[in-house]
N, C-alpha and C. Protein backbone atom coordinates (compact mmCIF):
# COMPACT_ATOMS: atom_id res chain seq x y z
N MET A 1 165.31 -130.70 122.92
CA MET A 1 165.95 -129.28 122.64
C MET A 1 166.07 -129.00 121.21
N THR A 2 165.49 -128.27 119.97
CA THR A 2 165.71 -127.80 118.63
C THR A 2 166.62 -126.40 118.82
N LEU A 3 167.83 -126.75 118.17
CA LEU A 3 168.42 -125.84 117.98
C LEU A 3 169.05 -125.43 116.03
N ASN A 4 169.30 -124.15 115.81
CA ASN A 4 169.51 -123.99 114.43
C ASN A 4 170.83 -124.20 113.91
N VAL A 5 171.74 -124.00 113.32
CA VAL A 5 173.12 -124.71 113.41
C VAL A 5 173.85 -123.27 113.83
N GLU A 6 173.65 -122.31 113.50
CA GLU A 6 174.13 -121.51 114.33
C GLU A 6 174.03 -121.11 115.87
N GLU A 7 173.35 -121.59 116.46
CA GLU A 7 172.59 -122.12 118.06
C GLU A 7 173.91 -122.71 118.27
N LYS A 8 173.40 -124.15 117.81
CA LYS A 8 174.47 -125.18 117.64
C LYS A 8 176.03 -125.18 117.55
N LYS A 9 176.65 -123.97 116.73
CA LYS A 9 177.86 -123.68 116.87
C LYS A 9 178.48 -122.62 117.87
N SER A 10 177.12 -122.13 118.39
CA SER A 10 177.44 -120.97 119.51
C SER A 10 177.74 -121.33 120.84
N LEU A 11 177.04 -122.71 121.16
CA LEU A 11 176.86 -123.23 122.60
C LEU A 11 178.29 -124.37 122.13
N SER A 12 177.89 -124.88 121.36
CA SER A 12 179.72 -125.95 120.83
C SER A 12 181.04 -124.83 121.42
N SER A 13 181.11 -123.89 120.95
CA SER A 13 182.08 -122.75 120.91
C SER A 13 182.44 -122.63 122.40
N TYR A 14 180.82 -122.47 123.28
CA TYR A 14 180.35 -121.77 124.81
C TYR A 14 181.36 -122.64 125.88
N ARG A 15 180.70 -124.52 125.37
CA ARG A 15 181.04 -125.51 126.18
C ARG A 15 182.96 -125.51 125.95
N LEU A 16 183.15 -125.06 124.69
CA LEU A 16 184.88 -125.47 124.25
C LEU A 16 185.71 -124.65 125.04
N ASP A 17 185.21 -123.77 125.20
CA ASP A 17 185.36 -122.55 125.86
C ASP A 17 186.02 -123.11 127.59
N ARG A 18 184.39 -122.96 127.88
CA ARG A 18 185.15 -124.18 129.12
C ARG A 18 185.25 -124.47 129.37
N ALA A 19 185.61 -125.57 128.28
CA ALA A 19 186.34 -126.82 128.95
C ALA A 19 188.08 -126.63 129.08
N ASP A 20 188.35 -125.23 128.21
CA ASP A 20 189.44 -124.88 128.04
C ASP A 20 190.03 -124.10 129.46
N ARG A 21 188.64 -123.22 130.30
CA ARG A 21 188.84 -122.86 131.57
C ARG A 21 189.26 -124.06 133.03
N LEU A 22 188.48 -124.61 132.31
CA LEU A 22 188.26 -126.27 133.06
C LEU A 22 189.63 -127.09 133.75
N LEU A 23 190.28 -127.11 132.06
CA LEU A 23 191.51 -127.73 131.94
C LEU A 23 192.75 -126.99 132.62
N GLU A 24 192.58 -125.55 132.45
CA GLU A 24 193.63 -124.52 132.95
C GLU A 24 193.82 -124.91 134.63
N ASP A 25 192.08 -124.85 135.20
CA ASP A 25 191.52 -124.81 136.80
C ASP A 25 192.53 -125.94 137.19
N ALA A 26 192.37 -127.49 136.81
CA ALA A 26 192.93 -128.63 137.01
C ALA A 26 194.52 -128.46 136.84
N SER A 27 195.28 -127.69 136.00
CA SER A 27 196.23 -127.63 135.91
C SER A 27 197.01 -126.64 137.39
N LEU A 28 196.27 -125.56 137.33
CA LEU A 28 196.57 -124.75 138.78
C LEU A 28 196.59 -125.61 140.18
N LEU A 29 195.58 -126.29 140.22
CA LEU A 29 195.39 -127.49 141.19
C LEU A 29 196.31 -128.19 141.09
N LEU A 30 197.19 -129.40 139.89
CA LEU A 30 197.88 -129.48 140.20
C LEU A 30 199.06 -129.10 140.71
N LYS A 31 199.30 -127.49 140.44
CA LYS A 31 200.56 -127.64 140.83
C LYS A 31 200.76 -126.99 142.47
N GLU A 32 199.04 -127.07 142.85
CA GLU A 32 199.30 -126.86 144.10
C GLU A 32 199.06 -127.87 144.97
N LYS A 33 199.19 -129.19 144.32
CA LYS A 33 199.21 -130.45 145.13
C LYS A 33 197.70 -130.59 145.64
N ARG A 34 196.90 -130.26 144.73
CA ARG A 34 195.34 -130.59 145.23
C ARG A 34 195.07 -131.53 144.69
N TRP A 35 195.13 -132.53 144.32
CA TRP A 35 194.80 -134.02 143.51
C TRP A 35 193.60 -134.31 143.93
N GLU A 36 192.35 -134.35 144.81
CA GLU A 36 191.30 -134.41 144.30
C GLU A 36 190.79 -133.41 143.49
N SER A 37 190.99 -131.76 143.91
CA SER A 37 190.09 -131.39 142.92
C SER A 37 190.83 -131.07 141.60
N SER A 38 191.88 -131.53 141.71
CA SER A 38 192.48 -131.31 139.63
C SER A 38 191.65 -132.24 139.56
N VAL A 39 191.59 -133.29 139.54
CA VAL A 39 190.97 -135.09 138.92
C VAL A 39 189.54 -134.00 139.03
N ASN A 40 188.80 -133.67 139.28
CA ASN A 40 187.57 -132.92 139.51
C ASN A 40 187.39 -132.45 137.92
N ARG A 41 188.72 -130.68 138.03
CA ARG A 41 188.17 -130.36 137.05
C ARG A 41 188.77 -131.00 136.06
N SER A 42 189.17 -131.69 135.77
CA SER A 42 190.16 -132.68 134.85
C SER A 42 188.93 -132.86 134.05
N TYR A 43 188.10 -134.48 134.95
CA TYR A 43 187.00 -134.94 134.93
C TYR A 43 185.66 -134.03 133.70
N TYR A 44 185.52 -132.33 134.33
CA TYR A 44 184.59 -131.72 134.27
C TYR A 44 185.08 -130.71 132.63
N ALA A 45 186.66 -130.48 132.55
CA ALA A 45 186.55 -130.02 131.48
C ALA A 45 186.52 -131.53 130.03
N ALA A 46 187.08 -132.41 130.73
CA ALA A 46 186.51 -133.58 129.47
C ALA A 46 185.75 -133.40 129.48
N LEU A 47 184.13 -133.71 130.03
CA LEU A 47 182.81 -133.36 129.78
C LEU A 47 182.15 -132.55 129.27
N SER A 48 182.39 -131.54 129.49
CA SER A 48 182.35 -130.08 128.99
C SER A 48 182.87 -129.69 127.68
N ALA A 49 183.79 -130.98 127.27
CA ALA A 49 184.10 -131.00 125.57
C ALA A 49 183.52 -131.60 124.86
N ALA A 50 183.28 -132.95 125.36
CA ALA A 50 182.17 -133.85 125.16
C ALA A 50 180.74 -133.21 124.58
N LYS A 51 180.42 -132.56 125.39
CA LYS A 51 179.08 -131.86 125.23
C LYS A 51 179.04 -130.75 124.26
N ALA A 52 180.30 -130.38 124.02
CA ALA A 52 180.61 -129.68 122.85
C ALA A 52 180.73 -130.21 121.34
N ALA A 53 181.05 -131.40 121.59
CA ALA A 53 180.64 -131.95 120.01
C ALA A 53 179.61 -132.80 119.87
N LEU A 54 178.83 -133.40 121.18
CA LEU A 54 177.78 -134.16 120.82
C LEU A 54 176.74 -132.73 120.53
N ILE A 55 176.46 -131.82 120.90
CA ILE A 55 175.46 -130.93 120.74
C ILE A 55 175.75 -130.34 118.97
N LEU A 56 176.85 -130.64 118.46
CA LEU A 56 176.80 -130.14 116.78
C LEU A 56 176.15 -131.56 116.23
N PHE A 57 175.48 -133.07 116.85
CA PHE A 57 174.47 -133.72 116.28
C PHE A 57 173.18 -133.68 116.92
N GLY A 58 172.82 -132.46 117.38
CA GLY A 58 171.89 -131.94 118.52
C GLY A 58 171.51 -133.22 119.43
N ILE A 59 172.64 -133.19 120.16
CA ILE A 59 172.43 -134.59 121.05
C ILE A 59 172.78 -133.47 122.14
N ASP A 60 172.00 -133.41 123.84
CA ASP A 60 172.39 -133.13 124.75
C ASP A 60 171.70 -133.75 126.12
N PRO A 61 172.70 -135.24 126.56
CA PRO A 61 172.81 -135.06 127.41
C PRO A 61 172.64 -134.74 128.94
N LYS A 62 171.82 -135.08 129.00
CA LYS A 62 171.38 -134.63 130.63
C LYS A 62 171.93 -134.62 132.09
N SER A 63 172.56 -136.03 131.78
CA SER A 63 173.61 -137.11 132.94
C SER A 63 174.72 -136.97 132.50
N HIS A 64 175.69 -136.82 133.49
CA HIS A 64 176.97 -138.04 133.26
C HIS A 64 177.37 -139.06 132.49
N GLU A 65 176.01 -140.26 133.08
CA GLU A 65 175.94 -141.13 132.04
C GLU A 65 175.63 -141.54 130.68
N GLY A 66 174.44 -140.12 130.71
CA GLY A 66 173.88 -140.13 129.34
C GLY A 66 175.09 -139.37 128.68
N VAL A 67 176.17 -138.52 128.61
CA VAL A 67 176.81 -138.23 128.01
C VAL A 67 178.16 -139.30 127.77
N LYS A 68 178.74 -140.29 128.92
CA LYS A 68 179.39 -141.34 128.48
C LYS A 68 179.16 -142.16 127.28
N THR A 69 177.30 -142.53 127.13
CA THR A 69 177.04 -143.40 126.52
C THR A 69 177.52 -142.95 124.81
N MET A 70 176.33 -141.29 124.69
CA MET A 70 176.57 -140.78 123.60
C MET A 70 178.09 -141.12 123.25
N VAL A 71 179.00 -140.30 123.98
CA VAL A 71 180.53 -140.62 123.19
C VAL A 71 181.02 -141.89 122.95
N ASN A 72 180.61 -142.74 123.06
CA ASN A 72 180.79 -143.84 122.79
C ASN A 72 180.13 -144.54 121.43
N LYS A 73 178.57 -143.81 121.69
CA LYS A 73 177.96 -144.44 120.44
C LYS A 73 177.80 -143.51 118.97
N LYS A 74 178.32 -142.03 119.72
CA LYS A 74 178.48 -140.85 117.96
C LYS A 74 179.84 -140.74 118.09
N LEU A 75 180.58 -141.07 118.54
CA LEU A 75 182.33 -140.55 118.62
C LEU A 75 183.27 -141.54 118.09
N VAL A 76 182.79 -143.02 119.26
CA VAL A 76 183.80 -143.83 119.24
C VAL A 76 183.41 -144.63 118.09
N LEU A 77 181.89 -145.74 118.13
CA LEU A 77 181.62 -146.31 117.46
C LEU A 77 181.30 -146.04 116.01
N ASP A 78 181.17 -144.14 115.31
CA ASP A 78 180.89 -144.07 114.38
C ASP A 78 181.81 -143.99 113.86
N GLY A 79 183.39 -144.01 114.97
CA GLY A 79 184.70 -143.36 114.38
C GLY A 79 185.06 -142.39 114.17
N LEU A 80 185.02 -141.25 115.10
CA LEU A 80 185.24 -139.91 115.16
C LEU A 80 186.58 -140.25 115.97
N MET A 81 186.91 -141.00 116.96
CA MET A 81 187.80 -141.08 118.16
C MET A 81 188.27 -142.56 118.65
N PRO A 82 189.48 -143.09 118.28
CA PRO A 82 189.87 -144.26 119.24
C PRO A 82 189.16 -144.50 120.35
N ARG A 83 188.87 -146.12 120.20
CA ARG A 83 188.73 -146.49 121.59
C ARG A 83 189.50 -145.95 123.13
N GLU A 84 190.37 -146.01 122.70
CA GLU A 84 191.14 -145.57 123.71
C GLU A 84 190.54 -144.19 124.26
N TYR A 85 190.26 -143.23 123.76
CA TYR A 85 189.79 -141.98 124.38
C TYR A 85 188.43 -142.36 124.57
N GLY A 86 187.34 -143.29 124.47
CA GLY A 86 186.56 -143.53 125.40
C GLY A 86 186.88 -144.13 126.43
N LYS A 87 187.85 -145.00 126.36
CA LYS A 87 188.29 -145.36 127.87
C LYS A 87 188.78 -144.31 128.52
N TRP A 88 189.39 -143.49 128.68
CA TRP A 88 189.79 -142.69 128.98
C TRP A 88 188.44 -141.39 129.82
N PHE A 89 187.96 -141.43 129.07
CA PHE A 89 186.42 -140.07 129.46
C PHE A 89 185.83 -140.99 130.60
N ARG A 90 185.76 -142.70 130.49
CA ARG A 90 185.31 -143.67 131.16
C ARG A 90 186.51 -143.51 132.73
N SER A 91 187.53 -144.01 132.81
CA SER A 91 188.52 -143.48 133.09
C SER A 91 188.16 -142.21 134.23
N LEU A 92 187.88 -141.12 133.36
CA LEU A 92 188.03 -139.70 134.46
C LEU A 92 186.83 -140.00 134.73
N LEU A 93 185.51 -140.11 134.30
CA LEU A 93 184.16 -140.28 135.57
C LEU A 93 184.62 -141.10 136.61
N LEU A 94 185.32 -142.69 136.34
CA LEU A 94 185.53 -143.09 137.89
C LEU A 94 186.49 -142.19 138.72
N GLU A 95 187.81 -142.30 138.21
CA GLU A 95 187.95 -140.90 139.00
C GLU A 95 187.58 -139.58 139.74
N ARG A 96 186.92 -139.45 138.87
CA ARG A 96 186.26 -138.20 139.50
C ARG A 96 185.26 -138.11 141.01
N GLU A 97 184.80 -139.86 140.45
CA GLU A 97 183.68 -139.82 141.47
C GLU A 97 184.36 -140.63 142.72
N ASP A 98 185.30 -141.17 142.41
CA ASP A 98 186.07 -141.43 143.44
C ASP A 98 186.53 -140.53 144.86
N ALA A 99 187.69 -139.73 143.65
CA ALA A 99 187.37 -138.14 144.27
C ALA A 99 186.67 -137.51 145.23
N ASP A 100 185.83 -137.32 144.24
CA ASP A 100 184.53 -136.61 145.06
C ASP A 100 183.88 -137.86 146.53
N TYR A 101 183.39 -138.39 145.90
CA TYR A 101 182.57 -138.98 146.94
C TYR A 101 183.04 -140.53 147.66
N ALA A 102 184.08 -140.93 147.36
CA ALA A 102 184.91 -142.31 148.03
C ALA A 102 185.08 -141.99 149.37
N ASP A 103 185.25 -142.80 150.32
CA ASP A 103 185.86 -142.57 151.80
C ASP A 103 187.38 -143.61 151.79
N TYR A 104 187.92 -143.39 152.46
CA TYR A 104 189.72 -143.99 152.54
C TYR A 104 189.99 -144.23 150.96
N VAL A 105 189.41 -142.98 149.99
CA VAL A 105 190.48 -143.06 148.76
C VAL A 105 191.52 -142.28 148.65
N THR A 106 192.44 -143.05 148.15
CA THR A 106 193.41 -141.80 148.30
C THR A 106 193.95 -142.24 146.79
N ILE A 107 193.87 -140.21 146.52
CA ILE A 107 193.91 -140.12 145.20
C ILE A 107 195.33 -139.19 145.15
N ASP A 108 196.64 -139.51 144.15
CA ASP A 108 197.75 -138.77 144.27
C ASP A 108 198.27 -138.22 143.30
N SER A 109 199.66 -137.86 143.21
CA SER A 109 200.16 -137.06 142.25
C SER A 109 200.44 -137.88 140.80
N THR A 110 200.05 -139.24 140.93
CA THR A 110 200.64 -139.68 140.01
C THR A 110 198.83 -139.78 139.29
N ASP A 111 197.88 -140.01 140.41
CA ASP A 111 196.85 -140.24 139.66
C ASP A 111 195.94 -138.64 138.98
N ALA A 112 195.75 -137.51 139.98
CA ALA A 112 196.19 -136.80 139.21
C ALA A 112 196.59 -136.22 137.54
N GLU A 113 198.09 -136.57 137.28
CA GLU A 113 198.97 -136.00 136.26
C GLU A 113 198.06 -137.08 135.17
N GLU A 114 198.36 -138.60 135.72
CA GLU A 114 197.27 -138.89 134.58
C GLU A 114 195.81 -138.32 134.72
N ALA A 115 195.07 -137.98 135.39
CA ALA A 115 193.63 -137.92 135.10
C ALA A 115 194.05 -136.19 133.38
N PHE A 116 194.81 -135.85 133.95
CA PHE A 116 195.16 -133.86 133.30
C PHE A 116 195.58 -134.42 131.96
N LYS A 117 196.55 -135.20 132.14
CA LYS A 117 197.36 -135.84 130.59
C LYS A 117 196.23 -136.31 130.03
N ASN A 118 194.99 -137.02 130.37
CA ASN A 118 194.14 -138.05 129.48
C ASN A 118 192.82 -136.71 129.45
N ALA A 119 193.19 -136.02 130.19
CA ALA A 119 191.60 -134.52 129.53
C ALA A 119 191.89 -134.15 128.53
N SER A 120 193.63 -133.67 128.90
CA SER A 120 193.86 -132.77 127.75
C SER A 120 193.97 -133.44 125.93
N ASN A 121 194.57 -134.70 126.45
CA ASN A 121 194.53 -135.61 124.82
C ASN A 121 193.12 -135.26 124.49
N PHE A 122 192.02 -135.69 125.67
CA PHE A 122 190.68 -136.34 124.77
C PHE A 122 190.32 -134.49 124.39
N ILE A 123 190.29 -133.55 124.58
CA ILE A 123 189.62 -133.00 124.80
C ILE A 123 190.86 -131.86 123.56
N GLU A 124 191.94 -132.30 123.05
CA GLU A 124 192.20 -132.04 121.36
C GLU A 124 191.84 -132.72 120.53
N LYS A 125 191.29 -133.88 120.43
CA LYS A 125 190.97 -134.43 120.26
C LYS A 125 189.30 -134.38 120.10
N ILE A 126 188.60 -134.13 120.77
CA ILE A 126 187.54 -133.50 120.29
C ILE A 126 187.44 -131.79 119.20
N LYS A 127 188.71 -131.27 119.93
CA LYS A 127 188.58 -130.14 118.82
C LYS A 127 188.53 -130.08 117.52
N ASN A 128 189.64 -131.33 117.15
CA ASN A 128 189.63 -131.69 115.64
C ASN A 128 188.28 -132.27 115.47
N ILE A 129 187.63 -133.01 116.41
CA ILE A 129 186.85 -133.72 115.57
C ILE A 129 185.64 -132.51 115.65
N ILE A 130 185.45 -131.44 116.09
CA ILE A 130 184.28 -130.67 116.23
C ILE A 130 184.80 -129.27 115.08
N ASN A 131 186.22 -129.32 114.91
CA ASN A 131 186.40 -128.57 113.41
C ASN A 131 186.04 -129.44 112.34
N MET A 132 186.00 -130.37 111.98
CA MET A 132 185.35 -131.39 111.00
C MET A 132 184.37 -131.04 110.59
N LEU A 133 183.21 -131.23 111.69
CA LEU A 133 182.04 -131.35 111.90
C LEU A 133 181.21 -130.04 111.47
N ILE A 134 181.56 -128.28 112.03
CA ILE A 134 181.83 -128.07 111.57
C ILE A 134 182.08 -126.99 110.28
N GLN A 135 182.61 -128.26 109.36
CA GLN A 135 182.92 -128.14 108.44
C GLN A 135 181.64 -128.58 107.40
N GLN A 136 180.86 -129.46 107.95
CA GLN A 136 180.44 -130.10 107.75
C GLN A 136 178.66 -129.94 107.59
N LEU A 137 177.81 -129.15 108.66
CA LEU A 137 177.07 -128.15 108.80
C LEU A 137 177.10 -127.51 107.78
């Protein structure tokens, strides 16, 4: 996909807004003690935020693994975010897979709250990165 600067900014903004909505859903699900669903929404919020940043580089991965790889390559290894944020993203992906697909895996309040906290921190960092990247476009 070849996008001009304004299209990249628009798509990034759309994805970041989506991340905020998904994170709000995760919070509501936490309050309702819907742990698995909250973990799912926390992950997808972080995924949408990651894709919001990556599109500003002209990168639009089509798979979860592709996003994970590019977060590490473009954001962590290039020094835009500390390694712990990349680890949080990987952890959110694995936790979401367990919550959605694993049999006999218990997701409890601690798991869901940690996923929400990590997603919130990840998204805040992404917002800072996006603001910096937009200044450079």
